Amino acid sequence: MIEVGDLVVIHDAPFNERNLFVYQNGDLGILKMKPNHSNLYKACVVILLKDFNDYHIPISYMKKMEAPC
């Protein structure tokens, strides 16, 4: 389960290059805020490390980065 403060990678977005939403597959970020239960789109607030700005990204477009061991 992804928690606030976790390092995440964008990996299931339908775009592989820059687009209107700025983020793309492979971008790294830190989860700043999880969606609440009333949020139908289940978007999280993520600080992307490439520019340190906040973005609202669907939770289904990211996965938690974990140690390989």
C-alpha atoms as a PDB file:
ATOM      1  CA  MET A   1       0.000   0.000   0.000  1.00  0.00           C
ATOM      2  CA  ILE A   2       1.295   3.447  -0.912  1.00  0.00           C
ATOM      3  CA  GLU A   3       1.600   5.886   2.000  1.00  0.00           C
ATOM      4  CA  VAL A   4       2.376   9.602   2.290  1.00  0.00           C
ATOM      5  CA  GLY A   5       6.135  10.137   1.994  1.00  0.00           C
ATOM      6  CA  ASP A   6       6.761   7.092  -0.205  1.00  0.00           C
ATOM      7  CA  LEU A   7       8.947   7.329  -3.296  1.00  0.00           C
ATOM      8  CA  VAL A   8       6.820   6.454  -6.337  1.00  0.00           C
ATOM      9  CA  VAL A   9       7.442   5.962 -10.043  1.00  0.00           C
ATOM     10  CA  ILE A  10       4.952   6.778 -12.789  1.00  0.00           C
ATOM     11  CA  HIS A  11       4.590   3.537 -14.719  1.00  0.00           C
ATOM     12  CA  ASP A  12       1.105   2.945 -16.130  1.00  0.00           C
ATOM     13  CA  ALA A  13       0.286   6.343 -17.610  1.00  0.00           C
ATOM     14  CA  PRO A  14      -1.040   6.175 -21.190  1.00  0.00           C
ATOM     15  CA  PHE A  15       1.701   8.555 -22.345  1.00  0.00           C
ATOM     16  CA  ASN A  16       5.378   7.710 -22.801  1.00  0.00           C
ATOM     17  CA  GLU A  17       6.553  11.236 -23.547  1.00  0.00           C
ATOM     18  CA  ARG A  18       5.779  14.732 -22.348  1.00  0.00           C
ATOM     19  CA  ASN A  19       2.177  15.809 -22.757  1.00  0.00           C
ATOM     20  CA  LEU A  20      -0.437  18.211 -21.447  1.00  0.00           C
ATOM     21  CA  PHE A  21      -0.120  16.741 -17.932  1.00  0.00           C
ATOM     22  CA  VAL A  22       3.699  17.202 -17.827  1.00  0.00           C
ATOM     23  CA  TYR A  23       4.384  13.837 -16.164  1.00  0.00           C
ATOM     24  CA  GLN A  24       5.333  10.720 -18.089  1.00  0.00           C
ATOM     25  CA  ASN A  25       6.191   7.078 -17.444  1.00  0.00           C
ATOM     26  CA  GLY A  26       9.473   6.759 -15.548  1.00  0.00           C
ATOM     27  CA  ASP A  27       9.161  10.018 -13.588  1.00  0.00           C
ATOM     28  CA  LEU A  28       9.960   9.767  -9.869  1.00  0.00           C
ATOM     29  CA  GLY A  29       8.089  11.571  -7.135  1.00  0.00           C
ATOM     30  CA  ILE A  30       7.192  11.670  -3.461  1.00  0.00           C
ATOM     31  CA  LEU A  31       3.593  11.098  -2.426  1.00  0.00           C
ATOM     32  CA  LYS A  32       2.369  14.226  -0.652  1.00  0.00           C
ATOM     33  CA  MET A  33      -1.340  13.474  -0.206  1.00  0.00           C
ATOM     34  CA  LYS A  34      -3.472  10.356  -0.708  1.00  0.00           C
ATOM     35  CA  PRO A  35      -7.017  10.530  -2.080  1.00  0.00           C
ATOM     36  CA  ASN A  36      -9.933  10.534   0.315  1.00  0.00           C
ATOM     37  CA  HIS A  37     -12.868   8.179  -0.080  1.00  0.00           C
ATOM     38  CA  SER A  38     -15.093  10.805  -1.745  1.00  0.00           C
ATOM     39  CA  ASN A  39     -12.575  11.369  -4.557  1.00  0.00           C
ATOM     40  CA  LEU A  40     -14.009   9.484  -7.548  1.00  0.00           C
ATOM     41  CA  TYR A  41     -10.848   9.779  -9.634  1.00  0.00           C
ATOM     42  CA  LYS A  42      -8.498   8.663  -6.845  1.00  0.00           C
ATOM     43  CA  ALA A  43      -5.823  11.205  -7.722  1.00  0.00           C
ATOM     44  CA  CYS A  44      -2.879  11.726  -5.379  1.00  0.00           C
ATOM     45  CA  VAL A  45      -0.782  14.823  -4.936  1.00  0.00           C
ATOM     46  CA  VAL A  46       2.777  13.947  -5.929  1.00  0.00           C
ATOM     47  CA  ILE A  47       5.906  16.121  -5.832  1.00  0.00           C
ATOM     48  CA  LEU A  48       7.835  15.182  -8.962  1.00  0.00           C
ATOM     49  CA  LEU A  49      11.597  15.198  -8.450  1.00  0.00           C
ATOM     50  CA  LYS A  50      12.300  16.565 -11.948  1.00  0.00           C
ATOM     51  CA  ASP A  51      10.896  20.015 -11.075  1.00  0.00           C
ATOM     52  CA  PHE A  52       9.731  19.786  -7.416  1.00  0.00           C
ATOM     53  CA  ASN A  53       6.183  20.868  -8.337  1.00  0.00           C
ATOM     54  CA  ASP A  54       2.954  19.294  -7.098  1.00  0.00           C
ATOM     55  CA  TYR A  55       0.844  17.300  -9.554  1.00  0.00           C
ATOM     56  CA  HIS A  56      -2.461  15.481  -9.219  1.00  0.00           C
ATOM     57  CA  ILE A  57      -1.812  12.023 -10.648  1.00  0.00           C
ATOM     58  CA  PRO A  58      -4.193   9.054 -10.595  1.00  0.00           C
ATOM     59  CA  ILE A  59      -3.083   6.411  -8.123  1.00  0.00           C
ATOM     60  CA  SER A  60      -3.389   3.761 -10.843  1.00  0.00           C
ATOM     61  CA  TYR A  61      -0.553   5.475 -12.788  1.00  0.00           C
ATOM     62  CA  MET A  62       2.071   4.894 -10.095  1.00  0.00           C
ATOM     63  CA  LYS A  63       3.741   2.246  -8.015  1.00  0.00           C
ATOM     64  CA  LYS A  64       5.796   2.415  -4.845  1.00  0.00           C
ATOM     65  CA  MET A  65       9.572   2.194  -5.245  1.00  0.00           C
ATOM     66  CA  GLU A  66      10.930  -0.498  -2.943  1.00  0.00           C
ATOM     67  CA  ALA A  67      14.380  -1.844  -2.177  1.00  0.00           C
ATOM     68  CA  PRO A  68      15.289  -4.779  -4.444  1.00  0.00           C
ATOM     69  CA  CYS A  69      16.288  -7.045  -1.528  1.00  0.00           C
END
